[in-house]
Each structure stands twice: as structure tokens, then as C-alpha cells.
Amino acid sequence: MIIVGWGNRKTKDFGEILPSTCPICNNKISYHLVRARDWADLFFIPIFPYQSGWFLLCPICDNGMELESKKDINLARELSEHAVNLSEKDYGKKIEEFCKKADFIDAE
């Protein structure tokens, strides 16, 4: 007997990247960059991912938005990497650049 399954979701949190106010829970938060992958299983062991997505999620209510374009995903990952290494002023400049370049956020 072989047991095969799918829908086993694994997530990886890459940390805070975008300070904002969540429109759902109205808390001041920093969105987290999260990658979610759905895996096919064989005998309850994940074998290969068959679907994946990148999201910006509120850490309080878990609502957020999906990053659909490669450009947005790459910008978010770059911002996540810079969050650790930059001063607060330089990080603020990176966030402004990110918001202007990203397709899912209207630049003001």
C-alpha cells in the first residue's frame, strides 16, 4: 500500500520589511515577507513542491497581499536582506524606493 498526499503547506518567514498600518486589524505593524509552498507527500514525507507563493503578511491577523510579479518578489527580498545591515535612515530610503518601484503599492 502506497500513501500519497498533497496540500502539506510549509511557510518560511523572512522577517519584517514594510512598516504600515494593517487595513484589517488597524494595528501599526511591519509586514513580514513570507514564502509558502505546497508539497506532494509520499508516506507523509514531503517529496517536491508543486505550488509556491510570496506574501506580505500582518503578524497580528495574518492578512496581507500576494506578491505576484517577479519584480515585486525580488524587491521585497532585497529589502528583507537590507533590513539587518542598514541604519534606520538608510532603511527608510530603501522602503521609499521599494514603494515607488513595486506594482502592488501606489506611490504618493
Protein backbone atom coordinates (compact mmCIF):
# COMPACT_ATOMS: atom_id res chain seq x y z
CA MET A 1 0.00 0.00 0.00
CA ILE A 2 1.36 3.44 -1.00
CA ILE A 3 0.17 6.58 0.75
CA VAL A 4 0.39 9.71 -1.40
CA GLY A 5 -0.87 13.13 -0.38
CA TRP A 6 -0.72 16.79 -1.30
CA GLY A 7 -1.55 20.08 0.31
CA ASN A 8 1.11 19.98 3.01
CA ARG A 9 1.91 23.70 3.29
CA LYS A 10 5.27 24.87 4.62
CA THR A 11 5.99 28.57 5.22
CA LYS A 12 9.20 30.49 5.76
CA ASP A 13 9.20 33.96 7.32
CA PHE A 14 11.96 36.23 6.01
CA GLY A 15 11.23 38.90 8.63
CA GLU A 16 9.85 42.41 8.80
CA ILE A 17 10.19 44.55 5.71
CA LEU A 18 7.43 47.14 5.39
CA PRO A 19 6.17 49.33 8.26
CA SER A 20 2.50 50.16 7.78
CA THR A 21 -0.97 50.13 9.34
CA CYS A 22 -2.92 46.95 8.69
CA PRO A 23 -6.24 47.79 6.99
CA ILE A 24 -7.90 44.74 8.58
CA CYS A 25 -6.91 44.92 12.27
CA ASN A 26 -5.89 48.65 12.29
CA ASN A 27 -2.66 47.96 14.20
CA LYS A 28 0.67 49.64 13.47
CA ILE A 29 2.75 46.74 12.15
CA SER A 30 5.62 45.81 9.90
CA TYR A 31 4.56 43.43 7.16
CA HIS A 32 6.52 40.18 7.09
CA LEU A 33 7.81 38.68 3.85
CA VAL A 34 6.63 35.05 3.77
CA ARG A 35 7.13 32.27 1.21
CA ALA A 36 4.53 29.49 1.23
CA ARG A 37 5.00 26.19 -0.60
CA ASP A 38 2.55 23.32 -1.06
CA TRP A 39 4.25 19.91 -1.12
CA ALA A 40 3.36 16.49 -2.50
CA ASP A 41 3.92 13.77 0.11
CA LEU A 42 4.88 10.12 -0.08
CA PHE A 43 4.33 8.23 3.18
CA PHE A 44 3.92 11.62 4.92
CA ILE A 45 7.37 12.78 3.77
CA PRO A 46 7.45 15.94 1.61
CA ILE A 47 8.83 14.99 -1.82
CA PHE A 48 8.54 18.06 -4.07
CA PRO A 49 6.80 21.45 -4.04
CA TYR A 50 4.07 21.80 -6.65
CA GLN A 51 2.95 25.34 -5.86
CA SER A 52 4.54 28.34 -4.16
CA GLY A 53 3.80 31.97 -3.50
CA TRP A 54 5.25 35.05 -1.82
CA PHE A 55 3.19 37.20 0.55
CA LEU A 56 3.38 40.31 2.71
CA LEU A 57 1.50 39.34 5.88
CA CYS A 58 0.37 41.17 9.00
CA PRO A 59 1.96 39.39 12.01
CA ILE A 60 -1.16 40.02 14.13
CA CYS A 61 -4.11 39.00 11.95
CA ASP A 62 -2.25 37.06 9.18
CA ASN A 63 -3.97 39.04 6.43
CA GLY A 64 -1.93 40.54 3.66
CA MET A 65 -1.25 40.56 -0.03
CA GLU A 66 0.31 38.20 -2.51
CA LEU A 67 3.34 39.34 -4.47
CA GLU A 68 2.58 38.22 -8.00
CA SER A 69 5.30 39.66 -10.20
CA LYS A 70 8.94 38.56 -10.10
CA LYS A 71 9.93 42.22 -9.82
CA ASP A 72 7.93 42.70 -6.59
CA ILE A 73 9.30 39.48 -5.11
CA ASN A 74 12.89 40.43 -5.90
CA LEU A 75 12.40 43.95 -4.47
CA ALA A 76 10.89 42.55 -1.27
CA ARG A 77 13.70 40.01 -0.85
CA GLU A 78 16.29 42.74 -1.39
CA LEU A 79 14.56 44.92 1.21
CA SER A 80 14.47 41.97 3.64
CA GLU A 81 18.23 41.47 3.24
CA HIS A 82 18.93 45.18 3.79
CA ALA A 83 16.79 45.36 6.95
CA VAL A 84 19.55 43.79 9.02
CA ASN A 85 22.51 45.72 7.62
CA LEU A 86 21.28 49.31 7.24
CA SER A 87 20.79 52.19 9.62
CA GLU A 88 17.22 53.34 10.26
CA LYS A 89 17.65 56.35 7.92
CA ASP A 90 19.07 54.27 5.05
CA TYR A 91 16.43 51.58 5.59
CA GLY A 92 13.74 54.30 5.33
CA LYS A 93 15.18 55.33 1.96
CA LYS A 94 15.11 51.69 0.78
CA ILE A 95 11.45 51.42 1.80
CA GLU A 96 10.62 54.56 -0.21
CA GLU A 97 12.41 53.09 -3.25
CA PHE A 98 10.56 49.80 -2.77
CA CYS A 99 7.16 51.50 -2.61
CA LYS A 100 7.85 53.53 -5.76
CA LYS A 101 9.07 50.50 -7.76
CA ALA A 102 6.57 47.88 -6.55
CA ASP A 103 3.49 47.24 -8.69
CA PHE A 104 1.16 46.50 -5.77
CA ILE A 105 1.66 49.77 -3.84
CA ASP A 106 0.61 53.20 -5.07
CA ALA A 107 3.46 55.66 -4.69
CA GLU A 108 2.35 59.01 -3.30
